[in-house]
N, C-alpha and C. Protein backbone atom coordinates (compact mmCIF):
# COMPACT_ATOMS: atom_id res chain seq x y z
N UNK A 1 21.20 -33.98 12.87
CA UNK A 1 20.00 -33.60 11.98
C UNK A 1 20.30 -31.99 11.75
N UNK A 2 20.49 -31.77 10.11
CA UNK A 2 20.74 -30.24 9.98
C UNK A 2 19.04 -30.13 10.06
N UNK A 3 19.31 -28.25 10.24
CA UNK A 3 17.56 -27.54 9.86
C UNK A 3 17.58 -26.99 9.04
N UNK A 4 16.94 -26.84 8.10
CA UNK A 4 16.53 -26.21 7.03
C UNK A 4 15.92 -25.18 7.16
N UNK A 5 17.18 -23.88 6.44
CA UNK A 5 16.78 -22.93 6.65
C UNK A 5 14.79 -22.45 5.40
N UNK A 6 15.10 -21.67 5.61
CA UNK A 6 13.85 -21.05 4.58
C UNK A 6 14.19 -19.89 4.31
N UNK A 7 12.83 -19.21 3.11
CA UNK A 7 14.10 -18.11 2.51
C UNK A 7 12.25 -18.19 1.49
N UNK A 8 11.52 -17.10 2.44
CA UNK A 8 9.91 -17.03 1.87
C UNK A 8 10.14 -15.09 1.09
N UNK A 9 8.93 -15.33 0.15
CA UNK A 9 8.40 -14.22 -0.29
C UNK A 9 7.89 -13.43 1.03
N UNK A 10 7.95 -12.43 1.02
CA UNK A 10 7.54 -10.97 1.88
C UNK A 10 6.07 -10.73 1.12
N UNK A 11 4.79 -10.94 2.22
CA UNK A 11 3.78 -10.29 1.56
C UNK A 11 3.46 -8.81 1.80
N UNK A 12 2.49 -8.59 0.87
CA UNK A 12 2.42 -7.24 0.57
C UNK A 12 1.32 -6.93 0.04
N UNK A 13 0.61 -5.63 0.22
CA UNK A 13 -0.09 -5.25 -0.12
C UNK A 13 -0.56 -3.31 -0.61
N UNK A 14 -0.97 -4.02 -2.37
CA UNK A 14 -1.47 -2.02 -3.14
C UNK A 14 -2.80 -1.93 -3.22
N UNK A 15 -2.79 -1.03 -2.98
CA UNK A 15 -4.31 -0.36 -2.83
C UNK A 15 -4.75 0.45 -4.20
N UNK A 16 -5.32 0.58 -5.13
CA UNK A 16 -5.83 1.38 -5.96
C UNK A 16 -7.21 1.83 -5.40
N UNK A 17 -6.71 3.32 -4.83
CA UNK A 17 -7.43 4.35 -4.89
C UNK A 17 -8.41 4.87 -4.77
N UNK A 18 -9.63 4.99 -5.63
CA UNK A 18 -10.36 5.93 -6.55
C UNK A 18 -11.12 6.75 -5.55
N UNK A 19 -10.62 7.74 -5.88
CA UNK A 19 -10.51 9.48 -5.42
C UNK A 19 -10.81 10.22 -6.31
N UNK A 20 -12.71 10.80 -6.85
CA UNK A 20 -12.77 11.79 -7.15
C UNK A 20 -12.45 11.31 -8.54
N UNK A 21 -13.03 9.95 -9.49
CA UNK A 21 -12.38 10.59 -10.78
C UNK A 21 -11.57 10.03 -10.93
N UNK A 22 -10.51 9.98 -9.99
CA UNK A 22 -8.85 9.44 -10.18
C UNK A 22 -8.02 8.77 -9.29
N UNK A 23 -7.00 8.71 -9.52
CA UNK A 23 -6.76 7.55 -9.13
C UNK A 23 -5.60 7.92 -8.42
N UNK A 24 -5.22 7.57 -7.13
CA UNK A 24 -4.19 8.10 -5.67
C UNK A 24 -2.74 7.60 -6.05
N UNK A 25 -1.82 8.04 -6.27
CA UNK A 25 -0.36 7.61 -6.30
C UNK A 25 0.49 8.66 -4.95
N UNK A 26 1.56 7.73 -4.44
CA UNK A 26 2.15 8.53 -3.47
C UNK A 26 3.60 8.59 -4.30
N UNK A 27 4.48 9.30 -4.22
CA UNK A 27 6.15 9.71 -4.12
C UNK A 27 6.75 9.04 -3.02
N UNK A 28 7.48 8.18 -3.33
CA UNK A 28 7.92 7.39 -2.73
C UNK A 28 8.92 8.85 -2.03
N UNK A 29 9.38 8.39 -0.31
CA UNK A 29 10.16 9.42 0.47
C UNK A 29 11.77 8.28 0.12
N UNK A 30 11.65 6.84 0.10
CA UNK A 30 12.61 6.08 0.61
C UNK A 30 12.76 5.55 -0.80
N UNK A 31 14.18 4.54 -1.01
CA UNK A 31 14.29 4.31 -2.28
C UNK A 31 13.86 2.47 -2.55
N UNK A 32 13.23 2.51 -3.81
CA UNK A 32 13.59 3.08 -4.90
C UNK A 32 12.24 4.38 -4.99
N UNK A 33 12.96 5.42 -5.49
CA UNK A 33 12.49 6.63 -5.50
C UNK A 33 11.10 7.09 -6.52
N UNK A 34 10.12 7.45 -6.44
CA UNK A 34 9.15 7.38 -8.20
C UNK A 34 8.35 7.63 -7.23
N UNK A 35 7.14 7.41 -7.90
CA UNK A 35 5.39 7.59 -7.29
C UNK A 35 5.32 6.11 -7.70
N UNK A 36 4.31 5.49 -6.74
CA UNK A 36 4.14 4.12 -6.43
C UNK A 36 2.25 4.29 -6.02
N UNK A 37 1.73 3.01 -6.42
CA UNK A 37 0.17 2.93 -5.88
C UNK A 37 0.86 2.50 -4.15
N UNK A 38 0.07 3.20 -3.46
CA UNK A 38 -0.05 3.17 -2.09
C UNK A 38 0.05 1.78 -1.54
N UNK A 39 0.85 1.72 -0.75
CA UNK A 39 0.33 0.01 -0.03
C UNK A 39 2.52 -0.59 0.72
N UNK A 40 2.21 -1.89 1.08
CA UNK A 40 3.58 -2.03 2.48
C UNK A 40 3.11 -3.05 2.24
N UNK A 41 4.09 -3.59 3.49
CA UNK A 41 4.11 -4.39 4.49
C UNK A 41 2.99 -5.40 5.05
N UNK A 42 2.63 -6.65 5.36
CA UNK A 42 1.57 -7.17 6.05
C UNK A 42 2.34 -7.05 7.28
N UNK A 43 1.32 -7.29 8.24
CA UNK A 43 2.48 -7.27 9.94
C UNK A 43 1.81 -8.50 10.43
N UNK A 44 2.95 -9.18 10.97
CA UNK A 44 2.23 -10.90 11.97
C UNK A 44 0.93 -10.36 12.43
N UNK A 45 -0.01 -11.02 11.85
CA UNK A 45 -1.45 -11.09 13.00
C UNK A 45 -2.61 -10.37 12.10
N UNK A 46 -1.86 -10.10 10.96
CA UNK A 46 -3.13 -8.99 9.91
C UNK A 46 -3.20 -9.88 9.24
N UNK A 47 -4.98 -9.61 8.88
CA UNK A 47 -5.50 -9.44 7.54
C UNK A 47 -4.96 -9.10 5.94
N UNK A 48 -4.75 -9.33 4.61
CA UNK A 48 -4.84 -8.69 3.95
C UNK A 48 -5.74 -7.49 4.04
N UNK A 49 -6.74 -7.46 4.26
CA UNK A 49 -7.32 -6.59 4.15
C UNK A 49 -7.56 -5.76 5.38
N UNK A 50 -6.81 -5.82 6.47
CA UNK A 50 -6.34 -5.32 7.62
C UNK A 50 -5.31 -4.55 7.26
N UNK A 51 -4.23 -5.12 6.65
CA UNK A 51 -3.39 -4.40 6.05
C UNK A 51 -3.14 -3.11 4.66
N UNK A 52 -4.30 -3.13 4.62
CA UNK A 52 -4.81 -1.96 2.70
C UNK A 52 -5.34 -1.29 3.55
N UNK A 53 -6.15 -1.58 4.53
CA UNK A 53 -6.71 -0.18 4.91
C UNK A 53 -5.59 0.62 5.66
N UNK A 54 -4.81 -0.30 6.77
CA UNK A 54 -3.92 0.53 7.40
C UNK A 54 -3.28 1.62 6.60
N UNK A 55 -2.55 1.30 5.80
CA UNK A 55 -1.30 1.54 4.52
C UNK A 55 -2.03 2.22 4.00
N UNK A 56 -3.53 1.93 3.31
CA UNK A 56 -3.75 3.88 2.71
C UNK A 56 -3.86 4.70 3.79
N UNK A 57 -4.06 4.46 5.40
CA UNK A 57 -4.46 5.71 6.46
C UNK A 57 -3.24 5.97 5.77
N UNK A 58 -2.21 5.79 6.18
CA UNK A 58 -0.76 6.05 7.03
C UNK A 58 0.12 6.20 5.71
N UNK A 59 -0.56 6.09 4.43
CA UNK A 59 0.50 6.52 3.52
C UNK A 59 -0.21 7.95 3.24
N UNK A 60 -1.53 7.71 2.59
CA UNK A 60 -2.50 8.90 2.25
C UNK A 60 -3.38 9.88 3.33
N UNK A 61 -3.25 9.55 4.73
CA UNK A 61 -4.38 10.03 5.51
C UNK A 61 -6.04 9.98 5.00
N UNK A 62 -6.10 8.45 3.80
CA UNK A 62 -7.67 8.72 3.17
C UNK A 62 -7.73 7.56 4.41
N UNK A 63 -10.05 7.57 4.28
CA UNK A 63 -9.87 6.47 4.50
C UNK A 63 -10.71 6.11 3.23
N UNK A 64 -10.80 4.12 3.41
CA UNK A 64 -11.03 3.51 2.43
C UNK A 64 -12.02 2.71 2.49
N UNK A 65 -13.16 2.12 1.28
CA UNK A 65 -13.59 0.85 1.66
C UNK A 65 -13.41 0.12 0.51
N UNK A 66 -12.99 -1.13 0.27
CA UNK A 66 -12.40 -1.71 0.01
C UNK A 66 -13.20 -2.09 -1.45
N UNK A 67 -13.24 -2.53 -2.44
CA UNK A 67 -14.20 -2.54 -3.07
C UNK A 67 -14.11 -3.95 -3.64
N UNK A 68 -12.77 -4.42 -4.02
CA UNK A 68 -12.67 -5.70 -4.40
C UNK A 68 -11.21 -5.85 -4.28
N UNK A 69 -10.82 -7.88 -4.37
CA UNK A 69 -9.46 -8.07 -4.36
C UNK A 69 -9.35 -7.80 -6.06
N UNK A 70 -8.76 -7.14 -6.38
CA UNK A 70 -8.07 -7.38 -8.42
C UNK A 70 -7.40 -8.21 -8.23
N UNK A 71 -6.17 -8.60 -7.95
CA UNK A 71 -5.39 -9.87 -8.58
C UNK A 71 -3.97 -9.58 -7.57
N UNK A 72 -3.38 -10.53 -7.60
CA UNK A 72 -1.98 -10.87 -7.07
C UNK A 72 -0.87 -11.05 -8.45
N UNK A 73 0.26 -9.73 -8.05
CA UNK A 73 1.22 -9.74 -8.96
C UNK A 73 2.76 -10.65 -7.89
N UNK A 74 3.37 -11.63 -8.49
CA UNK A 74 4.47 -12.88 -7.74
C UNK A 74 5.68 -12.40 -8.47
N UNK A 75 5.94 -11.82 -9.43
CA UNK A 75 7.35 -12.10 -10.17
C UNK A 75 8.47 -11.84 -9.36
N UNK A 76 9.41 -12.61 -9.07
CA UNK A 76 10.26 -12.70 -7.92
C UNK A 76 11.06 -11.25 -8.17
N UNK A 77 11.18 -10.74 -9.56
CA UNK A 77 11.91 -9.39 -9.69
C UNK A 77 11.18 -8.06 -9.60
N UNK A 78 9.79 -8.27 -8.71
CA UNK A 78 9.00 -7.17 -9.04
C UNK A 78 9.28 -5.78 -7.92
N UNK A 79 9.85 -6.54 -6.92
CA UNK A 79 10.63 -4.89 -5.99
C UNK A 79 12.25 -5.72 -5.75
N UNK A 80 12.83 -4.81 -6.23
CA UNK A 80 14.13 -4.95 -6.28
C UNK A 80 15.16 -5.13 -4.79
N UNK A 81 14.19 -5.00 -3.86
CA UNK A 81 14.88 -5.08 -2.49
C UNK A 81 15.02 -6.52 -1.70
N UNK A 82 13.33 -6.78 -2.35
CA UNK A 82 13.58 -8.58 -1.35
C UNK A 82 12.29 -9.13 -2.68
N UNK A 83 11.88 -9.84 -2.49
CA UNK A 83 10.81 -10.92 -3.00
C UNK A 83 9.94 -11.02 -2.65
N UNK A 84 8.82 -9.71 -3.12
CA UNK A 84 7.54 -10.15 -2.80
C UNK A 84 6.55 -10.24 -2.96
N UNK A 85 5.38 -10.84 -2.62
CA UNK A 85 3.95 -11.08 -3.36
C UNK A 85 3.23 -9.79 -2.45
N UNK A 86 2.77 -9.45 -3.67
CA UNK A 86 1.58 -8.43 -3.55
C UNK A 86 0.09 -8.47 -3.89
N UNK A 87 -0.77 -8.30 -2.78
CA UNK A 87 -2.47 -8.92 -3.46
C UNK A 87 -2.58 -7.23 -3.58
N UNK A 88 -3.65 -6.98 -4.84
CA UNK A 88 -4.11 -5.64 -5.12
C UNK A 88 -5.57 -5.16 -4.71
N UNK A 89 -5.79 -3.99 -4.08
CA UNK A 89 -7.04 -4.20 -3.77
C UNK A 89 -7.30 -2.86 -4.44
N UNK A 90 -8.78 -3.03 -5.14
CA UNK A 90 -9.47 -1.62 -5.88
C UNK A 90 -10.50 -0.76 -4.34
N UNK A 91 -10.19 0.22 -4.47
CA UNK A 91 -10.75 0.84 -2.52
C UNK A 91 -11.31 2.33 -3.76
N UNK A 92 -12.32 3.19 -2.63
CA UNK A 92 -12.92 4.00 -3.00
C UNK A 92 -12.20 4.72 -1.39
N UNK A 93 -11.85 5.94 -1.59
CA UNK A 93 -11.52 6.42 -1.03
C UNK A 93 -12.55 8.12 -0.50
N UNK A 94 -12.03 8.25 0.45
CA UNK A 94 -12.61 10.40 1.38
C UNK A 94 -11.48 10.27 2.12
N UNK A 95 -12.38 11.55 1.94
CA UNK A 95 -11.54 12.80 3.13
C UNK A 95 -10.47 13.46 2.28
N UNK A 96 -9.62 13.88 3.13
CA UNK A 96 -8.45 14.62 2.43
C UNK A 96 -7.12 13.98 1.79
N UNK A 97 -6.56 13.87 0.73
CA UNK A 97 -5.41 13.36 0.48
C UNK A 97 -4.15 14.10 1.20
N UNK A 98 -3.84 13.20 1.67
CA UNK A 98 -2.55 14.08 2.34
C UNK A 98 -1.46 13.50 2.16
N UNK A 99 0.26 13.57 2.27
CA UNK A 99 1.48 12.50 2.43
C UNK A 99 1.57 12.13 3.24
N UNK A 100 1.95 10.75 3.65
CA UNK A 100 2.38 11.03 5.23
C UNK A 100 2.80 9.53 5.41
N UNK A 101 3.67 9.19 6.16
CA UNK A 101 4.54 8.28 6.60
C UNK A 101 5.54 7.93 5.27
N UNK A 102 5.51 6.93 4.77
CA UNK A 102 6.87 6.54 3.83
C UNK A 102 6.61 7.48 2.45
N UNK A 103 5.15 8.35 2.35
CA UNK A 103 5.37 9.64 1.27
C UNK A 103 5.69 10.30 1.14
N UNK A 104 6.47 10.96 0.05
CA UNK A 104 6.83 12.12 0.41
C UNK A 104 6.07 13.59 -0.59
N UNK A 105 4.83 13.01 -1.50
CA UNK A 105 3.91 13.88 -1.75
C UNK A 105 2.71 13.27 -2.47
N UNK A 106 1.84 13.40 -2.48
CA UNK A 106 0.75 12.37 -3.22
C UNK A 106 0.17 13.33 -4.07
N UNK A 107 -0.70 12.74 -5.28
CA UNK A 107 -1.09 13.09 -6.28
C UNK A 107 -1.77 12.08 -7.03
N UNK A 108 -2.61 12.41 -8.19
CA UNK A 108 -4.58 11.94 -8.05
C UNK A 108 -3.59 12.06 -9.88
N UNK A 109 -4.27 10.98 -10.39
CA UNK A 109 -4.25 10.87 -11.62
C UNK A 109 -5.51 10.45 -12.84
N UNK A 110 -5.04 10.00 -13.83
CA UNK A 110 -5.50 9.10 -14.62
C UNK A 110 -4.80 9.01 -15.78
N UNK A 111 -5.31 7.90 -16.73
CA UNK A 111 -4.69 6.60 -17.60
C UNK A 111 -3.83 7.82 -17.78
N UNK A 112 -4.32 8.46 -18.76
CA UNK A 112 -3.79 9.20 -19.64
C UNK A 112 -2.58 9.90 -19.59
N UNK A 113 -2.88 10.53 -17.58
CA UNK A 113 -1.38 11.77 -17.07
C UNK A 113 -0.60 10.92 -16.11
N UNK A 114 -0.58 10.08 -16.43
CA UNK A 114 0.58 8.74 -15.52
C UNK A 114 1.86 9.75 -15.43
N UNK A 115 2.82 10.32 -14.07
CA UNK A 115 3.74 10.16 -14.39
C UNK A 115 4.75 9.09 -14.88
N UNK A 116 5.78 9.46 -15.16
CA UNK A 116 6.61 8.48 -15.81
C UNK A 116 7.12 7.83 -15.06
N UNK A 117 8.08 8.62 -14.12
CA UNK A 117 8.88 7.71 -12.52
C UNK A 117 8.23 6.82 -12.01
N UNK A 118 6.98 5.56 -11.81
CA UNK A 118 6.34 4.42 -11.53
C UNK A 118 7.50 3.40 -11.34
N UNK A 119 7.64 3.30 -10.33
CA UNK A 119 8.37 2.58 -9.58
C UNK A 119 7.48 0.86 -9.28
N UNK A 120 8.79 -0.14 -9.13
CA UNK A 120 8.52 -1.59 -8.64
C UNK A 120 7.64 -1.78 -10.48
N UNK A 121 6.45 -2.83 -10.08
CA UNK A 121 6.18 -3.28 -11.57
C UNK A 121 4.37 -2.46 -11.30
N UNK A 122 4.59 -1.00 -11.03
CA UNK A 122 3.09 -0.32 -10.21
C UNK A 122 2.63 -0.43 -11.75
N UNK A 123 3.73 0.26 -12.84
CA UNK A 123 3.02 0.88 -13.76
C UNK A 123 2.09 -0.34 -14.34
N UNK A 124 2.75 -1.06 -14.47
CA UNK A 124 1.71 -2.87 -14.91
C UNK A 124 0.63 -3.08 -14.32
N UNK A 125 0.57 -3.11 -13.47
CA UNK A 125 -0.62 -3.33 -12.06
C UNK A 125 -1.97 -2.16 -12.89
N UNK A 126 -1.23 -1.05 -13.00
CA UNK A 126 -2.32 0.18 -13.38
C UNK A 126 -2.93 0.30 -14.78
N UNK A 127 -2.47 -0.53 -15.67
CA UNK A 127 -2.79 -0.87 -17.38
C UNK A 127 -3.68 -1.92 -16.80
N UNK A 128 -3.18 -2.90 -15.70
CA UNK A 128 -4.42 -4.03 -15.91
C UNK A 128 -5.74 -3.75 -15.42
N UNK A 129 -5.52 -2.50 -14.22
CA UNK A 129 -6.72 -2.08 -13.80
C UNK A 129 -7.63 -1.30 -14.72
N UNK A 130 -6.60 0.11 -15.50
CA UNK A 130 -7.32 0.16 -16.16
C UNK A 130 -8.29 -0.21 -17.48
N UNK A 131 -7.68 -1.87 -17.91
CA UNK A 131 -8.19 -2.63 -19.13
C UNK A 131 -9.59 -2.84 -18.33
N UNK A 132 -8.87 -3.32 -17.40
CA UNK A 132 -10.40 -3.58 -16.38
C UNK A 132 -11.47 -3.13 -16.31
N UNK A 133 -11.59 -1.64 -15.73
CA UNK A 133 -12.19 -0.92 -15.72
C UNK A 133 -13.00 -0.30 -16.56
N UNK A 134 -12.30 0.06 -18.09
CA UNK A 134 -12.41 0.29 -19.08
C UNK A 134 -13.76 -0.99 -19.87
N UNK A 135 -12.50 -2.31 -19.70
CA UNK A 135 -13.19 -3.41 -20.52
C UNK A 135 -13.72 -4.58 -19.98
N UNK A 136 -13.98 -4.38 -18.74
CA UNK A 136 -14.31 -5.53 -17.59
C UNK A 136 -13.06 -6.70 -17.81
N UNK A 137 -12.03 -6.35 -18.53
CA UNK A 137 -11.36 -7.37 -18.70
C UNK A 137 -10.07 -7.49 -17.85
N UNK A 138 -9.65 -8.76 -17.69
CA UNK A 138 -8.54 -9.07 -16.18
C UNK A 138 -7.42 -10.25 -16.91
N UNK A 139 -6.22 -9.43 -17.16
CA UNK A 139 -4.81 -10.06 -17.99
C UNK A 139 -5.49 -11.56 -17.56
N UNK A 140 -5.27 -12.32 -18.33
CA UNK A 140 -5.16 -13.85 -18.22
C UNK A 140 -3.41 -13.62 -17.86
N UNK A 141 -3.76 -15.22 -17.42
CA UNK A 141 -2.40 -15.30 -16.39
C UNK A 141 -1.33 -15.93 -17.32
């Protein structure tokens, strides 16, 4: 009997960290290069919430309080390296932001001054977030 091989998407989390009226983005030190919402892969035995808190701390040095689970994004080409499914959280952050782990640089941005080089589908996620914050509107599927 032939054993079936499974290829499953990788679960990830992304955290929109609200910090002093702005949002926190990291500049990636590994490809694909550019600005990104802090986040990463969920480790085996870890909940999505635990992964979000860990990734936020590892990449930004901030402590966070998860406010809500915002939305999931699953388009197969959203990450050029793998098929990933991300769950996006909105969080409040405190402490002193400092780039660490996979982050080369850290920045604080508003909708009006987002950087040009945003990787993955993170610009789409951020636009959905800003629409939600301003108008209470979640994008329909």
